[in-house]
């Protein structure tokens, strides 16, 4: 039986250093779903401190905020994505999905007869 292969690629946006990639997209997706940076980080098994560090670095490199923070209060704090943050996350996920499809086509084109 012929082994089935796939391509795995981690696409990142860089500007001298990593700015945005699969980890940041996952973190923001969790913030959107859970309404909390802390819960999103915990779900990823990432420390809250590290989540803040990568979020701040990302925002500094991008030049715009990707998340709005809400401090404390009767119902507790929370977070939600800014419109630009949501557009960035959704655009990146669509870009990543389309790129994966193209990479699979290229795998078949260039290595399909070999593998």
N, C-alpha and C. Protein backbone atom coordinates (compact mmCIF):
# COMPACT_ATOMS: atom_id res chain seq x y z
N UNK A 1 0.83 -1.17 0.00
CA UNK A 1 0.00 0.00 0.00
C UNK A 1 0.89 1.25 0.00
N UNK A 2 0.54 2.22 -0.84
CA UNK A 2 1.33 3.45 -0.96
C UNK A 2 1.06 4.38 0.23
N UNK A 3 2.14 4.89 0.80
CA UNK A 3 2.05 5.82 1.93
C UNK A 3 1.48 7.14 1.44
N UNK A 4 0.55 7.75 2.22
CA UNK A 4 -0.02 9.05 1.88
C UNK A 4 0.76 10.13 2.60
N UNK A 5 1.29 11.09 1.86
CA UNK A 5 2.06 12.18 2.44
C UNK A 5 1.27 13.48 2.35
N UNK A 6 1.60 14.37 3.26
CA UNK A 6 1.02 15.71 3.24
C UNK A 6 2.12 16.71 3.50
N UNK A 7 1.83 17.96 3.20
CA UNK A 7 2.77 19.05 3.44
C UNK A 7 2.35 19.76 4.72
N UNK A 8 3.32 20.02 5.59
CA UNK A 8 3.05 20.82 6.78
C UNK A 8 3.94 22.05 6.72
N UNK A 9 3.32 23.22 6.74
CA UNK A 9 4.07 24.48 6.69
C UNK A 9 3.51 25.42 7.75
N UNK A 10 4.40 26.14 8.39
CA UNK A 10 4.01 27.16 9.37
C UNK A 10 4.30 28.52 8.74
N UNK A 11 3.26 29.17 8.30
CA UNK A 11 3.41 30.45 7.63
C UNK A 11 3.39 31.57 8.65
N UNK A 12 4.36 32.46 8.55
CA UNK A 12 4.48 33.59 9.48
C UNK A 12 4.66 34.88 8.72
N UNK A 13 4.15 35.94 9.26
CA UNK A 13 4.43 37.28 8.76
C UNK A 13 5.61 37.78 9.56
N UNK A 14 6.65 38.23 8.89
CA UNK A 14 7.85 38.70 9.57
C UNK A 14 8.23 40.09 9.09
N UNK A 15 8.85 40.83 9.96
CA UNK A 15 9.40 42.15 9.64
C UNK A 15 10.66 42.28 10.49
N UNK A 16 11.70 41.54 10.08
CA UNK A 16 12.90 41.47 10.89
C UNK A 16 12.77 40.40 11.96
N UNK A 17 11.61 40.33 12.60
CA UNK A 17 11.32 39.29 13.58
C UNK A 17 9.88 38.82 13.35
N UNK A 18 9.50 37.71 14.00
CA UNK A 18 8.15 37.20 13.84
C UNK A 18 7.14 38.24 14.31
N UNK A 19 6.12 38.47 13.50
CA UNK A 19 5.06 39.40 13.85
C UNK A 19 3.75 38.66 14.10
N UNK A 20 3.41 37.76 13.19
CA UNK A 20 2.12 37.08 13.28
C UNK A 20 2.24 35.71 12.63
N UNK A 21 1.67 34.71 13.29
CA UNK A 21 1.73 33.36 12.76
C UNK A 21 0.63 32.51 13.38
N UNK A 22 0.78 31.19 13.25
CA UNK A 22 -0.27 30.30 13.74
C UNK A 22 -0.54 30.41 15.24
N UNK A 23 0.49 30.62 16.04
CA UNK A 23 0.29 30.74 17.48
C UNK A 23 -0.52 31.97 17.84
N UNK A 24 -0.18 33.10 17.21
CA UNK A 24 -0.91 34.34 17.49
C UNK A 24 -2.35 34.24 16.98
N UNK A 25 -2.53 33.61 15.82
CA UNK A 25 -3.89 33.41 15.31
C UNK A 25 -4.71 32.56 16.27
N UNK A 26 -4.10 31.52 16.84
CA UNK A 26 -4.78 30.66 17.80
C UNK A 26 -5.12 31.43 19.07
N UNK A 27 -4.18 32.25 19.54
CA UNK A 27 -4.40 33.05 20.74
C UNK A 27 -5.57 34.02 20.52
N UNK A 28 -5.57 34.72 19.39
CA UNK A 28 -6.65 35.67 19.11
C UNK A 28 -7.98 34.97 18.88
N UNK A 29 -7.95 33.82 18.25
CA UNK A 29 -9.18 33.05 18.05
C UNK A 29 -9.78 32.66 19.40
N UNK A 30 -8.92 32.30 20.33
CA UNK A 30 -9.39 31.98 21.68
C UNK A 30 -9.96 33.19 22.39
N UNK A 31 -9.33 34.34 22.22
CA UNK A 31 -9.85 35.58 22.82
C UNK A 31 -11.24 35.87 22.26
N UNK A 32 -11.39 35.72 20.96
CA UNK A 32 -12.70 35.98 20.34
C UNK A 32 -13.77 35.02 20.87
N UNK A 33 -13.41 33.77 20.99
CA UNK A 33 -14.35 32.73 21.43
C UNK A 33 -14.64 32.79 22.92
N UNK A 34 -13.59 33.02 23.73
CA UNK A 34 -13.72 32.94 25.19
C UNK A 34 -13.89 34.29 25.88
N UNK A 35 -13.57 35.38 25.17
CA UNK A 35 -13.70 36.72 25.76
C UNK A 35 -12.65 37.03 26.79
N UNK A 36 -11.51 36.31 26.74
CA UNK A 36 -10.49 36.49 27.78
C UNK A 36 -9.12 36.05 27.26
N UNK A 37 -8.13 36.92 27.44
CA UNK A 37 -6.76 36.55 27.08
C UNK A 37 -6.26 35.45 28.03
N UNK A 38 -6.57 35.57 29.29
CA UNK A 38 -6.13 34.58 30.28
C UNK A 38 -6.67 33.19 29.94
N UNK A 39 -7.95 33.09 29.62
CA UNK A 39 -8.54 31.78 29.29
C UNK A 39 -7.99 31.24 27.98
N UNK A 40 -7.78 32.13 27.00
CA UNK A 40 -7.21 31.70 25.73
C UNK A 40 -5.80 31.15 25.93
N UNK A 41 -4.99 31.85 26.72
CA UNK A 41 -3.63 31.39 27.00
C UNK A 41 -3.65 30.06 27.73
N UNK A 42 -4.53 29.93 28.72
CA UNK A 42 -4.61 28.69 29.49
C UNK A 42 -5.01 27.52 28.59
N UNK A 43 -5.92 27.76 27.69
CA UNK A 43 -6.35 26.71 26.75
C UNK A 43 -5.19 26.23 25.89
N UNK A 44 -4.27 27.15 25.57
CA UNK A 44 -3.09 26.81 24.77
C UNK A 44 -1.94 26.30 25.63
N UNK A 45 -2.14 26.23 26.94
CA UNK A 45 -1.08 25.84 27.88
C UNK A 45 0.09 26.83 27.82
N UNK A 46 -0.26 28.11 27.69
CA UNK A 46 0.71 29.21 27.64
C UNK A 46 0.50 30.05 28.89
N UNK A 47 1.57 30.54 29.47
CA UNK A 47 1.41 31.40 30.64
C UNK A 47 0.76 32.72 30.22
N UNK A 48 0.02 33.30 31.13
CA UNK A 48 -0.63 34.58 30.89
C UNK A 48 0.42 35.65 30.59
N UNK A 49 1.54 35.60 31.32
CA UNK A 49 2.63 36.56 31.11
C UNK A 49 3.18 36.45 29.68
N UNK A 50 3.40 35.22 29.20
CA UNK A 50 3.91 35.04 27.84
C UNK A 50 2.89 35.53 26.82
N UNK A 51 1.62 35.26 27.07
CA UNK A 51 0.56 35.73 26.16
C UNK A 51 0.61 37.25 26.03
N UNK A 52 0.76 37.95 27.16
CA UNK A 52 0.86 39.41 27.13
C UNK A 52 2.10 39.85 26.37
N UNK A 53 3.21 39.16 26.59
CA UNK A 53 4.46 39.53 25.93
C UNK A 53 4.34 39.40 24.42
N UNK A 54 3.82 38.27 23.93
CA UNK A 54 3.73 38.09 22.47
C UNK A 54 2.67 39.02 21.88
N UNK A 55 1.61 39.28 22.63
CA UNK A 55 0.58 40.20 22.15
C UNK A 55 1.13 41.61 22.01
N UNK A 56 1.84 42.08 23.02
CA UNK A 56 2.43 43.43 22.96
C UNK A 56 3.44 43.56 21.83
N UNK A 57 4.28 42.54 21.66
CA UNK A 57 5.28 42.55 20.59
C UNK A 57 4.59 42.60 19.22
N UNK A 58 3.55 41.81 19.07
CA UNK A 58 2.79 41.80 17.82
C UNK A 58 2.21 43.18 17.54
N UNK A 59 1.55 43.77 18.53
CA UNK A 59 0.94 45.08 18.35
C UNK A 59 1.99 46.15 18.04
N UNK A 60 3.13 46.08 18.69
CA UNK A 60 4.21 47.05 18.41
C UNK A 60 4.67 46.94 16.96
N UNK A 61 4.87 45.72 16.48
CA UNK A 61 5.34 45.50 15.12
C UNK A 61 4.28 45.92 14.10
N UNK A 62 3.01 45.63 14.38
CA UNK A 62 1.93 45.97 13.45
C UNK A 62 1.63 47.46 13.45
N UNK A 63 1.78 48.10 14.60
CA UNK A 63 1.47 49.52 14.70
C UNK A 63 0.01 49.80 15.00
N UNK A 64 -0.74 48.77 15.41
CA UNK A 64 -2.14 48.96 15.80
C UNK A 64 -2.52 47.89 16.83
N UNK A 65 -3.51 48.20 17.68
CA UNK A 65 -3.95 47.21 18.66
C UNK A 65 -4.80 46.12 17.99
N UNK A 66 -4.62 44.89 18.45
CA UNK A 66 -5.41 43.78 17.93
C UNK A 66 -6.46 43.34 18.94
N UNK A 67 -6.35 43.83 20.18
CA UNK A 67 -7.27 43.41 21.23
C UNK A 67 -7.61 44.59 22.12
N UNK A 68 -8.88 44.66 22.53
CA UNK A 68 -9.32 45.65 23.52
C UNK A 68 -9.42 44.95 24.86
N UNK A 69 -8.92 45.60 25.90
CA UNK A 69 -8.95 45.02 27.24
C UNK A 69 -9.99 45.73 28.09
N UNK A 70 -10.69 44.96 28.91
CA UNK A 70 -11.66 45.51 29.85
C UNK A 70 -11.25 45.04 31.24
N UNK A 71 -10.90 45.99 32.11
CA UNK A 71 -10.39 45.67 33.44
C UNK A 71 -11.54 45.47 34.42
N UNK A 72 -11.46 44.41 35.19
CA UNK A 72 -12.31 44.14 36.37
C UNK A 72 -13.77 44.52 36.28
N UNK A 73 -14.31 44.94 37.39
CA UNK A 73 -15.72 45.29 37.48
C UNK A 73 -16.53 44.15 38.07
N UNK A 74 -17.84 44.36 38.24
CA UNK A 74 -18.70 43.35 38.86
C UNK A 74 -18.66 41.99 38.14
N UNK A 75 -18.64 42.00 36.83
CA UNK A 75 -18.62 40.74 36.08
C UNK A 75 -17.22 40.28 35.75
N UNK A 76 -16.21 40.97 36.26
CA UNK A 76 -14.82 40.64 35.95
C UNK A 76 -14.38 41.31 34.67
N UNK A 77 -13.11 41.17 34.36
CA UNK A 77 -12.56 41.78 33.16
C UNK A 77 -12.83 40.92 31.94
N UNK A 78 -12.24 41.31 30.86
CA UNK A 78 -12.41 40.56 29.63
C UNK A 78 -11.65 41.20 28.50
N UNK A 79 -11.77 40.62 27.35
CA UNK A 79 -11.08 41.14 26.18
C UNK A 79 -11.88 40.79 24.94
N UNK A 80 -11.70 41.61 23.91
CA UNK A 80 -12.28 41.30 22.60
C UNK A 80 -11.34 41.86 21.54
N UNK A 81 -11.46 41.32 20.35
CA UNK A 81 -10.60 41.77 19.27
C UNK A 81 -11.06 43.12 18.75
N UNK A 82 -10.10 43.94 18.35
CA UNK A 82 -10.43 45.18 17.66
C UNK A 82 -10.88 44.80 16.24
N UNK A 83 -11.55 45.70 15.53
CA UNK A 83 -11.92 45.38 14.15
C UNK A 83 -10.70 45.00 13.29
N UNK A 84 -9.58 45.73 13.47
CA UNK A 84 -8.36 45.38 12.72
C UNK A 84 -7.80 44.04 13.15
N UNK A 85 -7.86 43.74 14.45
CA UNK A 85 -7.38 42.46 14.95
C UNK A 85 -8.20 41.30 14.40
N UNK A 86 -9.51 41.48 14.36
CA UNK A 86 -10.38 40.44 13.81
C UNK A 86 -10.13 40.25 12.32
N UNK A 87 -9.98 41.35 11.58
CA UNK A 87 -9.71 41.27 10.15
C UNK A 87 -8.36 40.59 9.89
N UNK A 88 -7.35 40.90 10.71
CA UNK A 88 -6.05 40.29 10.58
C UNK A 88 -6.13 38.78 10.83
N UNK A 89 -6.79 38.38 11.92
CA UNK A 89 -6.90 36.97 12.24
C UNK A 89 -7.65 36.22 11.15
N UNK A 90 -8.79 36.74 10.72
CA UNK A 90 -9.58 36.06 9.70
C UNK A 90 -8.84 36.01 8.37
N UNK A 91 -8.19 37.11 8.00
CA UNK A 91 -7.42 37.14 6.75
C UNK A 91 -6.26 36.16 6.79
N UNK A 92 -5.56 36.10 7.92
CA UNK A 92 -4.44 35.17 8.05
C UNK A 92 -4.92 33.73 7.95
N UNK A 93 -6.03 33.39 8.63
CA UNK A 93 -6.54 32.02 8.59
C UNK A 93 -6.97 31.63 7.17
N UNK A 94 -7.59 32.56 6.45
CA UNK A 94 -7.97 32.29 5.05
C UNK A 94 -6.73 32.13 4.18
N UNK A 95 -5.74 32.99 4.38
CA UNK A 95 -4.47 32.90 3.65
C UNK A 95 -3.81 31.56 3.91
N UNK A 96 -3.77 31.15 5.17
CA UNK A 96 -3.14 29.89 5.56
C UNK A 96 -3.86 28.69 4.92
N UNK A 97 -5.18 28.70 4.93
CA UNK A 97 -5.95 27.60 4.35
C UNK A 97 -5.74 27.52 2.84
N UNK A 98 -5.75 28.67 2.17
CA UNK A 98 -5.54 28.67 0.72
C UNK A 98 -4.11 28.24 0.38
N UNK A 99 -3.14 28.72 1.14
CA UNK A 99 -1.75 28.33 0.91
C UNK A 99 -1.57 26.83 1.10
N UNK A 100 -2.23 26.25 2.10
CA UNK A 100 -2.14 24.81 2.34
C UNK A 100 -2.65 24.04 1.13
N UNK A 101 -3.76 24.49 0.56
CA UNK A 101 -4.30 23.83 -0.63
C UNK A 101 -3.33 23.90 -1.81
N UNK A 102 -2.71 25.05 -1.99
CA UNK A 102 -1.74 25.22 -3.08
C UNK A 102 -0.52 24.34 -2.84
N UNK A 103 -0.05 24.27 -1.59
CA UNK A 103 1.10 23.42 -1.28
C UNK A 103 0.80 21.95 -1.55
N UNK A 104 -0.40 21.51 -1.26
CA UNK A 104 -0.77 20.12 -1.53
C UNK A 104 -0.79 19.85 -3.03
N UNK A 105 -1.29 20.82 -3.81
CA UNK A 105 -1.27 20.68 -5.28
C UNK A 105 0.17 20.60 -5.79
N UNK A 106 1.06 21.43 -5.25
CA UNK A 106 2.46 21.41 -5.67
C UNK A 106 3.15 20.11 -5.27
N UNK A 107 2.80 19.57 -4.13
CA UNK A 107 3.35 18.28 -3.71
C UNK A 107 2.99 17.21 -4.74
N UNK A 108 1.73 17.17 -5.13
CA UNK A 108 1.30 16.19 -6.11
C UNK A 108 1.97 16.43 -7.46
N UNK A 109 2.05 17.68 -7.88
CA UNK A 109 2.66 18.02 -9.17
C UNK A 109 4.12 17.62 -9.24
N UNK A 110 4.87 17.95 -8.21
CA UNK A 110 6.32 17.77 -8.26
C UNK A 110 6.81 16.44 -7.68
N UNK A 111 6.05 15.85 -6.77
CA UNK A 111 6.53 14.64 -6.12
C UNK A 111 5.54 13.48 -6.17
N UNK A 112 4.40 13.71 -6.78
CA UNK A 112 3.36 12.67 -6.84
C UNK A 112 3.84 11.37 -7.46
N UNK A 113 4.68 11.44 -8.47
CA UNK A 113 5.19 10.22 -9.11
C UNK A 113 6.29 9.56 -8.30
N UNK A 114 6.92 10.30 -7.42
CA UNK A 114 8.03 9.77 -6.64
C UNK A 114 7.56 9.12 -5.34
N UNK A 115 6.58 9.75 -4.71
CA UNK A 115 6.13 9.29 -3.39
C UNK A 115 5.04 8.24 -3.51
